[in-house]
All heavy atoms as atom14 arrays in JSON, in Angstrom:
{
  "sequence": "QLERGSIFPPLTELRNISLDIAEAVALKAYEQNLARYPHPDDLRELI",
  "atom14_mask": [
    [1, 1, 1, 1, 1, 1, 1, 1, 1, 0, 0, 0, 0, 0],
    [1, 1, 1, 1, 1, 1, 1, 1, 0, 0, 0, 0, 0, 0],
    [1, 1, 1, 1, 1, 1, 1, 1, 1, 0, 0, 0, 0, 0],
    [1, 1, 1, 1, 1, 1, 1, 1, 1, 1, 1, 0, 0, 0],
    [1, 1, 1, 1, 0, 0, 0, 0, 0, 0, 0, 0, 0, 0],
    [1, 1, 1, 1, 1, 1, 0, 0, 0, 0, 0, 0, 0, 0],
    [1, 1, 1, 1, 1, 1, 1, 1, 0, 0, 0, 0, 0, 0],
    [1, 1, 1, 1, 1, 1, 1, 1, 1, 1, 1, 0, 0, 0],
    [1, 1, 1, 1, 1, 1, 1, 0, 0, 0, 0, 0, 0, 0],
    [1, 1, 1, 1, 1, 1, 1, 0, 0, 0, 0, 0, 0, 0],
    [1, 1, 1, 1, 1, 1, 1, 1, 0, 0, 0, 0, 0, 0],
    [1, 1, 1, 1, 1, 1, 1, 0, 0, 0, 0, 0, 0, 0],
    [1, 1, 1, 1, 1, 1, 1, 1, 1, 0, 0, 0, 0, 0],
    [1, 1, 1, 1, 1, 1, 1, 1, 0, 0, 0, 0, 0, 0],
    [1, 1, 1, 1, 1, 1, 1, 1, 1, 1, 1, 0, 0, 0],
    [1, 1, 1, 1, 1, 1, 1, 1, 0, 0, 0, 0, 0, 0],
    [1, 1, 1, 1, 1, 1, 1, 1, 0, 0, 0, 0, 0, 0],
    [1, 1, 1, 1, 1, 1, 0, 0, 0, 0, 0, 0, 0, 0],
    [1, 1, 1, 1, 1, 1, 1, 1, 0, 0, 0, 0, 0, 0],
    [1, 1, 1, 1, 1, 1, 1, 1, 0, 0, 0, 0, 0, 0],
    [1, 1, 1, 1, 1, 1, 1, 1, 0, 0, 0, 0, 0, 0],
    [1, 1, 1, 1, 1, 0, 0, 0, 0, 0, 0, 0, 0, 0],
    [1, 1, 1, 1, 1, 1, 1, 1, 1, 0, 0, 0, 0, 0],
    [1, 1, 1, 1, 1, 0, 0, 0, 0, 0, 0, 0, 0, 0],
    [1, 1, 1, 1, 1, 1, 1, 0, 0, 0, 0, 0, 0, 0],
    [1, 1, 1, 1, 1, 0, 0, 0, 0, 0, 0, 0, 0, 0],
    [1, 1, 1, 1, 1, 1, 1, 1, 0, 0, 0, 0, 0, 0],
    [1, 1, 1, 1, 1, 1, 1, 1, 1, 0, 0, 0, 0, 0],
    [1, 1, 1, 1, 1, 0, 0, 0, 0, 0, 0, 0, 0, 0],
    [1, 1, 1, 1, 1, 1, 1, 1, 1, 1, 1, 1, 0, 0],
    [1, 1, 1, 1, 1, 1, 1, 1, 1, 0, 0, 0, 0, 0],
    [1, 1, 1, 1, 1, 1, 1, 1, 1, 0, 0, 0, 0, 0],
    [1, 1, 1, 1, 1, 1, 1, 1, 0, 0, 0, 0, 0, 0],
    [1, 1, 1, 1, 1, 1, 1, 1, 0, 0, 0, 0, 0, 0],
    [1, 1, 1, 1, 1, 0, 0, 0, 0, 0, 0, 0, 0, 0],
    [1, 1, 1, 1, 1, 1, 1, 1, 1, 1, 1, 0, 0, 0],
    [1, 1, 1, 1, 1, 1, 1, 1, 1, 1, 1, 1, 0, 0],
    [1, 1, 1, 1, 1, 1, 1, 0, 0, 0, 0, 0, 0, 0],
    [1, 1, 1, 1, 1, 1, 1, 1, 1, 1, 0, 0, 0, 0],
    [1, 1, 1, 1, 1, 1, 1, 0, 0, 0, 0, 0, 0, 0],
    [1, 1, 1, 1, 1, 1, 1, 1, 0, 0, 0, 0, 0, 0],
    [1, 1, 1, 1, 1, 1, 1, 1, 0, 0, 0, 0, 0, 0],
    [1, 1, 1, 1, 1, 1, 1, 1, 0, 0, 0, 0, 0, 0],
    [1, 1, 1, 1, 1, 1, 1, 1, 1, 1, 1, 0, 0, 0],
    [1, 1, 1, 1, 1, 1, 1, 1, 1, 0, 0, 0, 0, 0],
    [1, 1, 1, 1, 1, 1, 1, 1, 0, 0, 0, 0, 0, 0],
    [1, 1, 1, 1, 1, 1, 1, 1, 0, 0, 0, 0, 0, 0]
  ],
  "atom14_positions": [
    [[-14.71, 25.45, 14.21], [-13.55, 25.74, 15.05], [-12.81, 26.97, 14.53], [-12.37, 27.82, 15.32], [-12.63, 24.52, 15.11], [-13.25, 23.36, 15.87], [-12.75, 22.0, 15.44], [-11.82, 21.89, 14.65], [-13.38, 20.95, 15.94], [0.0, 0.0, 0.0], [0.0, 0.0, 0.0], [0.0, 0.0, 0.0], [0.0, 0.0, 0.0], [0.0, 0.0, 0.0]],
    [[-12.69, 27.07, 13.23], [-12.05, 28.24, 12.64], [-12.81, 29.52, 12.99], [-12.2, 30.56, 13.24], [-11.95, 28.08, 11.12], [-11.08, 26.94, 10.59], [-11.18, 26.87, 9.07], [-9.63, 27.11, 11.02], [0.0, 0.0, 0.0], [0.0, 0.0, 0.0], [0.0, 0.0, 0.0], [0.0, 0.0, 0.0], [0.0, 0.0, 0.0], [0.0, 0.0, 0.0]],
    [[-14.12, 29.43, 13.0], [-14.94, 30.61, 13.31], [-14.74, 31.1, 14.74], [-14.98, 32.26, 15.04], [-16.42, 30.28, 13.05], [-16.73, 30.11, 11.56], [-18.12, 29.58, 11.31], [-18.85, 29.33, 12.31], [-18.5, 29.4, 10.13], [0.0, 0.0, 0.0], [0.0, 0.0, 0.0], [0.0, 0.0, 0.0], [0.0, 0.0, 0.0], [0.0, 0.0, 0.0]],
    [[-14.27, 30.2, 15.62], [-13.97, 30.59, 17.0], [-12.49, 30.94, 17.18], [-12.03, 31.12, 18.31], [-14.38, 29.48, 17.96], [-15.88, 29.21, 17.98], [-16.25, 28.3, 19.15], [-15.67, 26.97, 19.03], [-16.26, 25.93, 18.43], [-17.47, 26.09, 17.89], [-15.68, 24.76, 18.39], [0.0, 0.0, 0.0], [0.0, 0.0, 0.0], [0.0, 0.0, 0.0]],
    [[-11.76, 30.99, 16.07], [-10.36, 31.37, 16.13], [-9.43, 30.24, 16.48], [-8.25, 30.47, 16.78], [0.0, 0.0, 0.0], [0.0, 0.0, 0.0], [0.0, 0.0, 0.0], [0.0, 0.0, 0.0], [0.0, 0.0, 0.0], [0.0, 0.0, 0.0], [0.0, 0.0, 0.0], [0.0, 0.0, 0.0], [0.0, 0.0, 0.0], [0.0, 0.0, 0.0]],
    [[-9.92, 29.02, 16.43], [-9.09, 27.86, 16.79], [-8.63, 27.15, 15.52], [-9.45, 26.67, 14.74], [-9.88, 26.89, 17.68], [-9.04, 25.85, 18.1], [0.0, 0.0, 0.0], [0.0, 0.0, 0.0], [0.0, 0.0, 0.0], [0.0, 0.0, 0.0], [0.0, 0.0, 0.0], [0.0, 0.0, 0.0], [0.0, 0.0, 0.0], [0.0, 0.0, 0.0]],
    [[-7.32, 27.09, 15.33], [-6.79, 26.5, 14.1], [-6.23, 25.1, 14.32], [-5.58, 24.54, 13.43], [-5.7, 27.4, 13.49], [-4.61, 27.69, 14.5], [-6.33, 28.7, 12.97], [-3.43, 28.43, 13.92], [0.0, 0.0, 0.0], [0.0, 0.0, 0.0], [0.0, 0.0, 0.0], [0.0, 0.0, 0.0], [0.0, 0.0, 0.0], [0.0, 0.0, 0.0]],
    [[-6.49, 24.54, 15.5], [-6.18, 23.14, 15.76], [-7.43, 22.47, 16.3], [-8.27, 23.11, 16.94], [-5.04, 23.0, 16.78], [-3.71, 23.47, 16.24], [-3.19, 24.71, 16.63], [-2.99, 22.7, 15.36], [-1.98, 25.15, 16.13], [-1.77, 23.14, 14.85], [-1.26, 24.37, 15.24], [0.0, 0.0, 0.0], [0.0, 0.0, 0.0], [0.0, 0.0, 0.0]],
    [[-7.6, 21.17, 16.04], [-8.8, 20.48, 16.51], [-8.8, 20.31, 18.02], [-7.77, 20.48, 18.68], [-8.72, 19.13, 15.79], [-7.27, 18.93, 15.5], [-6.71, 20.3, 15.26], [0.0, 0.0, 0.0], [0.0, 0.0, 0.0], [0.0, 0.0, 0.0], [0.0, 0.0, 0.0], [0.0, 0.0, 0.0], [0.0, 0.0, 0.0], [0.0, 0.0, 0.0]],
    [[-9.94, 19.95, 18.61], [-10.0, 19.78, 20.07], [-9.06, 18.69, 20.56], [-8.91, 17.65, 19.9], [-11.47, 19.4, 20.31], [-12.21, 19.88, 19.12], [-11.26, 19.77, 17.97], [0.0, 0.0, 0.0], [0.0, 0.0, 0.0], [0.0, 0.0, 0.0], [0.0, 0.0, 0.0], [0.0, 0.0, 0.0], [0.0, 0.0, 0.0], [0.0, 0.0, 0.0]],
    [[-8.45, 18.91, 21.7], [-7.56, 17.91, 22.28], [-8.3, 16.62, 22.61], [-7.68, 15.55, 22.7], [-6.9, 18.47, 23.54], [-5.84, 19.56, 23.3], [-5.49, 20.25, 24.6], [-4.61, 18.98, 22.63], [0.0, 0.0, 0.0], [0.0, 0.0, 0.0], [0.0, 0.0, 0.0], [0.0, 0.0, 0.0], [0.0, 0.0, 0.0], [0.0, 0.0, 0.0]],
    [[-9.6, 16.71, 22.8], [-10.38, 15.5, 23.08], [-10.37, 14.52, 21.92], [-10.74, 13.36, 22.09], [-11.82, 15.88, 23.42], [-12.34, 16.73, 22.38], [-11.89, 16.63, 24.75], [0.0, 0.0, 0.0], [0.0, 0.0, 0.0], [0.0, 0.0, 0.0], [0.0, 0.0, 0.0], [0.0, 0.0, 0.0], [0.0, 0.0, 0.0], [0.0, 0.0, 0.0]],
    [[-9.95, 14.97, 20.74], [-9.91, 14.11, 19.56], [-8.53, 13.49, 19.33], [-8.27, 12.9, 18.28], [-10.32, 14.9, 18.31], [-11.73, 15.46, 18.35], [-12.06, 16.29, 17.12], [-11.25, 16.29, 16.16], [-13.13, 16.92, 17.1], [0.0, 0.0, 0.0], [0.0, 0.0, 0.0], [0.0, 0.0, 0.0], [0.0, 0.0, 0.0], [0.0, 0.0, 0.0]],
    [[-7.64, 13.6, 20.33], [-6.25, 13.22, 20.1], [-6.07, 11.78, 19.62], [-5.23, 11.51, 18.76], [-5.43, 13.44, 21.37], [-4.8, 14.83, 21.53], [-4.07, 14.92, 22.86], [-3.85, 15.12, 20.38], [0.0, 0.0, 0.0], [0.0, 0.0, 0.0], [0.0, 0.0, 0.0], [0.0, 0.0, 0.0], [0.0, 0.0, 0.0], [0.0, 0.0, 0.0]],
    [[-6.81, 10.84, 20.18], [-6.62, 9.44, 19.77], [-6.95, 9.27, 18.29], [-6.21, 8.6, 17.56], [-7.49, 8.53, 20.62], [-7.1, 8.44, 22.06], [-6.01, 7.45, 22.33], [-6.44, 6.07, 22.29], [-5.74, 5.06, 22.82], [-4.6, 5.3, 23.44], [-6.19, 3.83, 22.75], [0.0, 0.0, 0.0], [0.0, 0.0, 0.0], [0.0, 0.0, 0.0]],
    [[-8.04, 9.87, 17.84], [-8.41, 9.76, 16.43], [-7.46, 10.55, 15.54], [-7.16, 10.14, 14.41], [-9.85, 10.22, 16.22], [-10.85, 9.23, 16.77], [-10.6, 8.02, 16.8], [-11.99, 9.73, 17.24], [0.0, 0.0, 0.0], [0.0, 0.0, 0.0], [0.0, 0.0, 0.0], [0.0, 0.0, 0.0], [0.0, 0.0, 0.0], [0.0, 0.0, 0.0]],
    [[-6.98, 11.7, 16.03], [-5.99, 12.46, 15.28], [-4.73, 11.64, 15.1], [-4.17, 11.56, 13.99], [-5.68, 13.79, 16.0], [-6.89, 14.71, 16.0], [-4.48, 14.49, 15.37], [-6.76, 15.89, 16.94], [0.0, 0.0, 0.0], [0.0, 0.0, 0.0], [0.0, 0.0, 0.0], [0.0, 0.0, 0.0], [0.0, 0.0, 0.0], [0.0, 0.0, 0.0]],
    [[-4.26, 11.02, 16.17], [-3.06, 10.19, 16.09], [-3.25, 9.02, 15.14], [-2.33, 8.64, 14.41], [-2.68, 9.69, 17.48], [-2.29, 10.75, 18.32], [0.0, 0.0, 0.0], [0.0, 0.0, 0.0], [0.0, 0.0, 0.0], [0.0, 0.0, 0.0], [0.0, 0.0, 0.0], [0.0, 0.0, 0.0], [0.0, 0.0, 0.0], [0.0, 0.0, 0.0]],
    [[-4.45, 8.45, 15.13], [-4.73, 7.35, 14.2], [-4.66, 7.84, 12.75], [-4.08, 7.18, 11.88], [-6.1, 6.75, 14.51], [-6.54, 5.56, 13.64], [-5.54, 4.42, 13.71], [-7.93, 5.1, 14.08], [0.0, 0.0, 0.0], [0.0, 0.0, 0.0], [0.0, 0.0, 0.0], [0.0, 0.0, 0.0], [0.0, 0.0, 0.0], [0.0, 0.0, 0.0]],
    [[-5.25, 9.02, 12.47], [-5.16, 9.6, 11.13], [-3.71, 9.83, 10.71], [-3.3, 9.52, 9.59], [-5.91, 10.93, 11.08], [-7.42, 10.78, 11.11], [-7.91, 9.64, 11.03], [-8.12, 11.81, 11.24], [0.0, 0.0, 0.0], [0.0, 0.0, 0.0], [0.0, 0.0, 0.0], [0.0, 0.0, 0.0], [0.0, 0.0, 0.0], [0.0, 0.0, 0.0]],
    [[-2.94, 10.41, 11.63], [-1.54, 10.71, 11.33], [-0.75, 9.43, 11.15], [0.08, 9.32, 10.22], [-0.94, 11.58, 12.44], [-1.55, 13.0, 12.37], [0.58, 11.65, 12.33], [-1.13, 13.9, 13.5], [0.0, 0.0, 0.0], [0.0, 0.0, 0.0], [0.0, 0.0, 0.0], [0.0, 0.0, 0.0], [0.0, 0.0, 0.0], [0.0, 0.0, 0.0]],
    [[-0.98, 8.45, 12.01], [-0.27, 7.17, 11.88], [-0.53, 6.53, 10.53], [0.38, 6.01, 9.89], [-0.69, 6.23, 13.02], [0.0, 0.0, 0.0], [0.0, 0.0, 0.0], [0.0, 0.0, 0.0], [0.0, 0.0, 0.0], [0.0, 0.0, 0.0], [0.0, 0.0, 0.0], [0.0, 0.0, 0.0], [0.0, 0.0, 0.0], [0.0, 0.0, 0.0]],
    [[-1.78, 6.57, 10.1], [-2.11, 5.99, 8.79], [-1.41, 6.75, 7.67], [-0.85, 6.15, 6.74], [-3.62, 6.02, 8.57], [-4.06, 5.34, 7.28], [-5.57, 5.35, 7.11], [-6.26, 6.13, 7.8], [-6.05, 4.55, 6.27], [0.0, 0.0, 0.0], [0.0, 0.0, 0.0], [0.0, 0.0, 0.0], [0.0, 0.0, 0.0], [0.0, 0.0, 0.0]],
    [[-1.4, 8.09, 7.75], [-0.74, 8.9, 6.71], [0.77, 8.64, 6.69], [1.38, 8.53, 5.62], [-1.01, 10.38, 6.96], [0.0, 0.0, 0.0], [0.0, 0.0, 0.0], [0.0, 0.0, 0.0], [0.0, 0.0, 0.0], [0.0, 0.0, 0.0], [0.0, 0.0, 0.0], [0.0, 0.0, 0.0], [0.0, 0.0, 0.0], [0.0, 0.0, 0.0]],
    [[1.39, 8.53, 7.87], [2.82, 8.26, 7.96], [3.14, 6.87, 7.44], [4.12, 6.68, 6.7], [3.29, 8.42, 9.43], [4.69, 7.84, 9.63], [3.27, 9.88, 9.82], [0.0, 0.0, 0.0], [0.0, 0.0, 0.0], [0.0, 0.0, 0.0], [0.0, 0.0, 0.0], [0.0, 0.0, 0.0], [0.0, 0.0, 0.0], [0.0, 0.0, 0.0]],
    [[2.33, 5.89, 7.8], [2.57, 4.52, 7.34], [2.42, 4.42, 5.82], [3.22, 3.74, 5.15], [1.6, 3.57, 8.03], [0.0, 0.0, 0.0], [0.0, 0.0, 0.0], [0.0, 0.0, 0.0], [0.0, 0.0, 0.0], [0.0, 0.0, 0.0], [0.0, 0.0, 0.0], [0.0, 0.0, 0.0], [0.0, 0.0, 0.0], [0.0, 0.0, 0.0]],
    [[1.4, 5.09, 5.27], [1.24, 5.09, 3.81], [2.45, 5.7, 3.12], [2.93, 5.19, 2.09], [-0.02, 5.86, 3.42], [-1.36, 5.14, 3.62], [-2.52, 6.11, 3.42], [-1.47, 3.95, 2.66], [0.0, 0.0, 0.0], [0.0, 0.0, 0.0], [0.0, 0.0, 0.0], [0.0, 0.0, 0.0], [0.0, 0.0, 0.0], [0.0, 0.0, 0.0]],
    [[2.96, 6.78, 3.68], [4.14, 7.41, 3.11], [5.35, 6.48, 3.2], [6.19, 6.43, 2.29], [4.43, 8.73, 3.83], [5.48, 9.59, 3.17], [5.09, 10.0, 1.75], [3.89, 10.93, 1.73], [3.63, 11.45, 0.35], [0.0, 0.0, 0.0], [0.0, 0.0, 0.0], [0.0, 0.0, 0.0], [0.0, 0.0, 0.0], [0.0, 0.0, 0.0]],
    [[5.44, 5.72, 4.3], [6.53, 4.75, 4.44], [6.47, 3.7, 3.33], [7.51, 3.33, 2.75], [6.46, 4.07, 5.81], [0.0, 0.0, 0.0], [0.0, 0.0, 0.0], [0.0, 0.0, 0.0], [0.0, 0.0, 0.0], [0.0, 0.0, 0.0], [0.0, 0.0, 0.0], [0.0, 0.0, 0.0], [0.0, 0.0, 0.0], [0.0, 0.0, 0.0]],
    [[5.28, 3.25, 3.01], [5.15, 2.28, 1.91], [5.49, 2.94, 0.57], [6.18, 2.34, -0.27], [3.74, 1.69, 1.88], [3.52, 0.63, 2.94], [2.63, 0.83, 3.99], [4.22, -0.58, 2.89], [2.43, -0.13, 4.96], [4.03, -1.56, 3.86], [3.13, -1.32, 4.89], [2.95, -2.28, 5.86], [0.0, 0.0, 0.0], [0.0, 0.0, 0.0]],
    [[5.03, 4.17, 0.36], [5.33, 4.88, -0.89], [6.83, 5.04, -1.11], [7.32, 4.96, -2.23], [4.68, 6.27, -0.88], [3.18, 6.28, -1.07], [2.62, 7.7, -0.98], [3.42, 8.66, -1.13], [1.41, 7.85, -0.76], [0.0, 0.0, 0.0], [0.0, 0.0, 0.0], [0.0, 0.0, 0.0], [0.0, 0.0, 0.0], [0.0, 0.0, 0.0]],
    [[7.56, 5.26, -0.01], [9.0, 5.54, -0.1], [9.86, 4.29, 0.15], [11.07, 4.4, 0.32], [9.36, 6.64, 0.89], [8.67, 7.96, 0.59], [9.08, 9.06, 1.55], [9.05, 8.91, 2.77], [9.48, 10.2, 0.99], [0.0, 0.0, 0.0], [0.0, 0.0, 0.0], [0.0, 0.0, 0.0], [0.0, 0.0, 0.0], [0.0, 0.0, 0.0]],
    [[9.2, 3.13, 0.18], [9.91, 1.85, 0.41], [10.7, 1.86, 1.72], [11.81, 1.33, 1.8], [10.85, 1.54, -0.76], [10.1, 1.3, -2.06], [9.08, 0.61, -2.07], [10.59, 1.88, -3.15], [0.0, 0.0, 0.0], [0.0, 0.0, 0.0], [0.0, 0.0, 0.0], [0.0, 0.0, 0.0], [0.0, 0.0, 0.0], [0.0, 0.0, 0.0]],
    [[10.11, 2.45, 2.74], [10.75, 2.51, 4.05], [10.08, 1.59, 5.06], [10.55, 1.49, 6.2], [10.72, 3.94, 4.59], [11.49, 4.98, 3.76], [11.27, 6.38, 4.32], [12.98, 4.64, 3.74], [0.0, 0.0, 0.0], [0.0, 0.0, 0.0], [0.0, 0.0, 0.0], [0.0, 0.0, 0.0], [0.0, 0.0, 0.0], [0.0, 0.0, 0.0]],
    [[9.0, 0.91, 4.68], [8.3, 0.0, 5.58], [8.88, -1.41, 5.43], [9.07, -1.89, 4.31], [6.81, 0.0, 5.28], [0.0, 0.0, 0.0], [0.0, 0.0, 0.0], [0.0, 0.0, 0.0], [0.0, 0.0, 0.0], [0.0, 0.0, 0.0], [0.0, 0.0, 0.0], [0.0, 0.0, 0.0], [0.0, 0.0, 0.0], [0.0, 0.0, 0.0]],
    [[9.14, -2.04, 6.57], [9.72, -3.39, 6.52], [8.69, -4.49, 6.7], [9.0, -5.66, 6.52], [10.82, -3.51, 7.59], [12.06, -2.7, 7.24], [13.09, -2.71, 8.35], [12.69, -1.86, 9.47], [13.48, -1.58, 10.52], [14.7, -2.09, 10.58], [13.04, -0.8, 11.49], [0.0, 0.0, 0.0], [0.0, 0.0, 0.0], [0.0, 0.0, 0.0]],
    [[7.44, -4.13, 7.06], [6.37, -5.11, 7.14], [5.6, -5.12, 5.82], [5.47, -4.07, 5.16], [5.4, -4.77, 8.27], [5.93, -5.02, 9.67], [5.29, -4.44, 10.76], [7.05, -5.82, 9.9], [5.76, -4.63, 12.06], [7.51, -6.03, 11.2], [6.87, -5.43, 12.26], [7.33, -5.63, 13.54], [0.0, 0.0, 0.0], [0.0, 0.0, 0.0]],
    [[5.04, -6.27, 5.41], [4.2, -6.31, 4.2], [2.98, -5.4, 4.36], [2.47, -5.22, 5.46], [3.78, -7.78, 4.11], [4.78, -8.53, 4.94], [5.19, -7.6, 6.03], [0.0, 0.0, 0.0], [0.0, 0.0, 0.0], [0.0, 0.0, 0.0], [0.0, 0.0, 0.0], [0.0, 0.0, 0.0], [0.0, 0.0, 0.0], [0.0, 0.0, 0.0]],
    [[2.54, -4.83, 3.24], [1.38, -3.95, 3.27], [0.14, -4.76, 3.61], [-0.2, -5.71, 2.9], [1.2, -3.27, 1.9], [0.34, -2.04, 1.95], [-0.94, -2.04, 2.46], [0.58, -0.75, 1.57], [-1.46, -0.83, 2.37], [-0.55, -0.02, 1.84], [0.0, 0.0, 0.0], [0.0, 0.0, 0.0], [0.0, 0.0, 0.0], [0.0, 0.0, 0.0]],
    [[-0.58, -4.41, 4.69], [-1.77, -5.18, 5.05], [-2.95, -4.83, 4.16], [-2.94, -3.81, 3.46], [-2.03, -4.74, 6.5], [-1.51, -3.34, 6.54], [-0.31, -3.31, 5.62], [0.0, 0.0, 0.0], [0.0, 0.0, 0.0], [0.0, 0.0, 0.0], [0.0, 0.0, 0.0], [0.0, 0.0, 0.0], [0.0, 0.0, 0.0], [0.0, 0.0, 0.0]],
    [[-3.98, -5.66, 4.19], [-5.19, -5.38, 3.42], [-5.88, -4.12, 3.92], [-6.41, -3.33, 3.14], [-6.16, -6.57, 3.51], [-5.61, -7.81, 2.8], [-4.8, -7.64, 1.87], [-5.98, -8.92, 3.2], [0.0, 0.0, 0.0], [0.0, 0.0, 0.0], [0.0, 0.0, 0.0], [0.0, 0.0, 0.0], [0.0, 0.0, 0.0], [0.0, 0.0, 0.0]],
    [[-5.9, -3.93, 5.23], [-6.54, -2.76, 5.83], [-5.55, -2.13, 6.8], [-5.44, -2.56, 7.95], [-7.83, -3.16, 6.54], [-8.67, -1.95, 6.96], [-8.07, -0.9, 7.3], [-9.91, -2.04, 6.97], [0.0, 0.0, 0.0], [0.0, 0.0, 0.0], [0.0, 0.0, 0.0], [0.0, 0.0, 0.0], [0.0, 0.0, 0.0], [0.0, 0.0, 0.0]],
    [[-4.83, -1.12, 6.34], [-3.77, -0.51, 7.14], [-4.34, 0.15, 8.39], [-3.8, 0.01, 9.49], [-3.0, 0.51, 6.3], [-1.87, 1.26, 7.0], [-0.82, 0.3, 7.53], [-1.23, 2.27, 6.04], [0.0, 0.0, 0.0], [0.0, 0.0, 0.0], [0.0, 0.0, 0.0], [0.0, 0.0, 0.0], [0.0, 0.0, 0.0], [0.0, 0.0, 0.0]],
    [[-5.42, 0.88, 8.24], [-6.0, 1.58, 9.4], [-6.44, 0.59, 10.47], [-6.22, 0.8, 11.67], [-7.17, 2.45, 8.95], [-7.7, 3.37, 10.06], [-8.83, 4.25, 9.55], [-9.29, 5.2, 10.55], [-8.78, 6.39, 10.76], [-7.75, 6.81, 10.02], [-9.26, 7.19, 11.7], [0.0, 0.0, 0.0], [0.0, 0.0, 0.0], [0.0, 0.0, 0.0]],
    [[-7.05, -0.49, 10.03], [-7.5, -1.51, 10.98], [-6.31, -2.14, 11.71], [-6.37, -2.38, 12.92], [-8.3, -2.59, 10.26], [-8.88, -3.64, 11.19], [-9.7, -4.68, 10.45], [-9.47, -4.88, 9.23], [-10.55, -5.32, 11.08], [0.0, 0.0, 0.0], [0.0, 0.0, 0.0], [0.0, 0.0, 0.0], [0.0, 0.0, 0.0], [0.0, 0.0, 0.0]],
    [[-5.22, -2.37, 10.99], [-4.01, -2.91, 11.61], [-3.5, -1.98, 12.7], [-3.2, -2.42, 13.82], [-2.92, -3.12, 10.56], [-1.53, -3.44, 11.12], [-1.48, -4.86, 11.64], [-0.45, -3.21, 10.07], [0.0, 0.0, 0.0], [0.0, 0.0, 0.0], [0.0, 0.0, 0.0], [0.0, 0.0, 0.0], [0.0, 0.0, 0.0], [0.0, 0.0, 0.0]],
    [[-3.39, -0.69, 12.38], [-2.87, 0.28, 13.35], [-3.79, 0.39, 14.55], [-3.36, 0.37, 15.7], [-2.67, 1.65, 12.68], [-1.62, 1.55, 11.56], [-2.26, 2.7, 13.71], [-1.53, 2.8, 10.7], [0.0, 0.0, 0.0], [0.0, 0.0, 0.0], [0.0, 0.0, 0.0], [0.0, 0.0, 0.0], [0.0, 0.0, 0.0], [0.0, 0.0, 0.0]]
  ]
}
């Protein structure tokens, strides 16, 4: 994608991109003690 001058991934990947971001945001919430739900065994699967 970079070789074609595109610095963002294809829009067709939005659902998976959002899942990646949601997991990263949720992990950060746990790191910063901002999550009010208990940490699940598999966070990505939960989301």
